[in-house]
Amino acid sequence: MQKSGQVWEELTPWIIGIIVLVLVVIFYGILSGKLSGMGDFVRNLFRFG
């Protein structure tokens, strides 16, 4: 059984990587001017019916 500290040591790089990936996508959307298009895509993706 792993201790709690070991679990966080393994999860921390993954959490940081996901946050950086999201920030890069948002930054790209701002620079390219396609951020509103991405918002529309996500809104339509979660629309049911």
N, C-alpha and C. Protein backbone atom coordinates (compact mmCIF):
# COMPACT_ATOMS: atom_id res chain seq x y z
N MET A 1 0.84 -1.19 0.00
CA MET A 1 0.00 0.00 0.00
C MET A 1 0.89 1.25 0.00
N GLN A 2 0.55 2.18 -0.85
CA GLN A 2 1.33 3.41 -0.94
C GLN A 2 0.89 4.40 0.12
N LYS A 3 1.86 5.15 0.58
CA LYS A 3 1.53 6.22 1.53
C LYS A 3 0.99 7.42 0.77
N SER A 4 0.31 8.29 1.50
CA SER A 4 -0.32 9.45 0.88
C SER A 4 0.70 10.36 0.21
N GLY A 5 1.87 10.53 0.80
CA GLY A 5 2.90 11.39 0.22
C GLY A 5 3.39 10.87 -1.12
N GLN A 6 3.50 9.56 -1.25
CA GLN A 6 3.96 8.99 -2.51
C GLN A 6 2.93 9.20 -3.62
N VAL A 7 1.66 9.12 -3.27
CA VAL A 7 0.61 9.31 -4.27
C VAL A 7 0.67 10.74 -4.81
N TRP A 8 0.80 11.73 -3.91
CA TRP A 8 0.85 13.12 -4.34
C TRP A 8 2.11 13.39 -5.14
N GLU A 9 3.22 12.72 -4.82
CA GLU A 9 4.45 12.92 -5.60
C GLU A 9 4.28 12.43 -7.02
N GLU A 10 3.46 11.42 -7.22
CA GLU A 10 3.23 10.90 -8.56
C GLU A 10 2.17 11.70 -9.30
N LEU A 11 1.18 12.25 -8.59
CA LEU A 11 0.10 12.98 -9.23
C LEU A 11 0.46 14.42 -9.56
N THR A 12 1.34 15.02 -8.80
CA THR A 12 1.65 16.44 -8.97
C THR A 12 2.14 16.77 -10.39
N PRO A 13 3.07 16.03 -10.97
CA PRO A 13 3.48 16.38 -12.36
C PRO A 13 2.34 16.27 -13.36
N TRP A 14 1.44 15.30 -13.17
CA TRP A 14 0.30 15.16 -14.08
C TRP A 14 -0.65 16.33 -13.95
N ILE A 15 -0.91 16.76 -12.73
CA ILE A 15 -1.81 17.89 -12.51
C ILE A 15 -1.22 19.16 -13.11
N ILE A 16 0.07 19.39 -12.89
CA ILE A 16 0.73 20.56 -13.45
C ILE A 16 0.71 20.50 -14.98
N GLY A 17 0.93 19.33 -15.55
CA GLY A 17 0.92 19.17 -17.00
C GLY A 17 -0.44 19.47 -17.60
N ILE A 18 -1.51 19.03 -16.96
CA ILE A 18 -2.85 19.29 -17.46
C ILE A 18 -3.17 20.78 -17.38
N ILE A 19 -2.76 21.43 -16.28
CA ILE A 19 -3.00 22.87 -16.14
C ILE A 19 -2.24 23.63 -17.22
N VAL A 20 -1.00 23.26 -17.47
CA VAL A 20 -0.21 23.94 -18.50
C VAL A 20 -0.84 23.72 -19.88
N LEU A 21 -1.31 22.53 -20.15
CA LEU A 21 -1.95 22.24 -21.44
C LEU A 21 -3.19 23.11 -21.64
N VAL A 22 -4.02 23.23 -20.61
CA VAL A 22 -5.22 24.05 -20.72
C VAL A 22 -4.83 25.52 -20.94
N LEU A 23 -3.83 26.01 -20.23
CA LEU A 23 -3.39 27.39 -20.40
C LEU A 23 -2.85 27.65 -21.80
N VAL A 24 -2.12 26.69 -22.36
CA VAL A 24 -1.58 26.84 -23.71
C VAL A 24 -2.72 26.90 -24.73
N VAL A 25 -3.74 26.06 -24.57
CA VAL A 25 -4.87 26.07 -25.49
C VAL A 25 -5.61 27.40 -25.41
N ILE A 26 -5.82 27.91 -24.19
CA ILE A 26 -6.49 29.20 -24.03
C ILE A 26 -5.65 30.32 -24.62
N PHE A 27 -4.34 30.30 -24.38
CA PHE A 27 -3.46 31.33 -24.92
C PHE A 27 -3.45 31.29 -26.44
N TYR A 28 -3.44 30.09 -27.03
CA TYR A 28 -3.50 29.96 -28.49
C TYR A 28 -4.81 30.52 -29.03
N GLY A 29 -5.91 30.23 -28.32
CA GLY A 29 -7.21 30.74 -28.75
C GLY A 29 -7.27 32.25 -28.71
N ILE A 30 -6.66 32.85 -27.70
CA ILE A 30 -6.64 34.31 -27.61
C ILE A 30 -5.82 34.91 -28.74
N LEU A 31 -4.66 34.34 -29.01
CA LEU A 31 -3.79 34.89 -30.05
C LEU A 31 -4.36 34.70 -31.45
N SER A 32 -5.00 33.58 -31.68
CA SER A 32 -5.51 33.32 -33.02
C SER A 32 -6.89 33.93 -33.25
N GLY A 33 -7.54 34.39 -32.19
CA GLY A 33 -8.86 34.97 -32.33
C GLY A 33 -9.96 33.95 -32.48
N LYS A 34 -9.67 32.69 -32.20
CA LYS A 34 -10.66 31.63 -32.37
C LYS A 34 -11.25 31.19 -31.03
N LEU A 35 -11.08 32.01 -30.01
CA LEU A 35 -11.56 31.62 -28.68
C LEU A 35 -13.09 31.54 -28.65
N SER A 36 -13.76 32.46 -29.33
CA SER A 36 -15.23 32.41 -29.35
C SER A 36 -15.71 31.18 -30.12
N GLY A 37 -14.98 30.81 -31.14
CA GLY A 37 -15.33 29.60 -31.89
C GLY A 37 -15.19 28.36 -31.05
N MET A 38 -14.15 28.33 -30.22
CA MET A 38 -13.98 27.19 -29.32
C MET A 38 -15.09 27.15 -28.29
N GLY A 39 -15.50 28.32 -27.80
CA GLY A 39 -16.60 28.38 -26.84
C GLY A 39 -17.89 27.88 -27.43
N ASP A 40 -18.17 28.25 -28.68
CA ASP A 40 -19.37 27.76 -29.36
C ASP A 40 -19.32 26.25 -29.55
N PHE A 41 -18.14 25.74 -29.88
CA PHE A 41 -17.99 24.30 -30.07
C PHE A 41 -18.27 23.55 -28.77
N VAL A 42 -17.72 24.03 -27.66
CA VAL A 42 -17.94 23.37 -26.38
C VAL A 42 -19.40 23.49 -25.96
N ARG A 43 -20.01 24.64 -26.20
CA ARG A 43 -21.43 24.82 -25.84
C ARG A 43 -22.29 23.86 -26.65
N ASN A 44 -22.01 23.70 -27.94
CA ASN A 44 -22.78 22.77 -28.78
C ASN A 44 -22.50 21.32 -28.43
N LEU A 45 -21.29 21.06 -27.95
CA LEU A 45 -20.91 19.70 -27.58
C LEU A 45 -21.74 19.22 -26.40
N PHE A 46 -22.01 20.12 -25.45
CA PHE A 46 -22.75 19.72 -24.25
C PHE A 46 -24.25 19.98 -24.35
N ARG A 47 -24.70 20.38 -25.52
CA ARG A 47 -26.14 20.60 -25.71
C ARG A 47 -26.77 19.26 -26.11
N PHE A 48 -27.75 18.87 -25.33
CA PHE A 48 -28.43 17.59 -25.60
C PHE A 48 -29.85 17.88 -26.07
N GLY A 49 -30.14 17.48 -27.29
CA GLY A 49 -31.50 17.68 -27.78
C GLY A 49 -31.54 18.68 -28.76
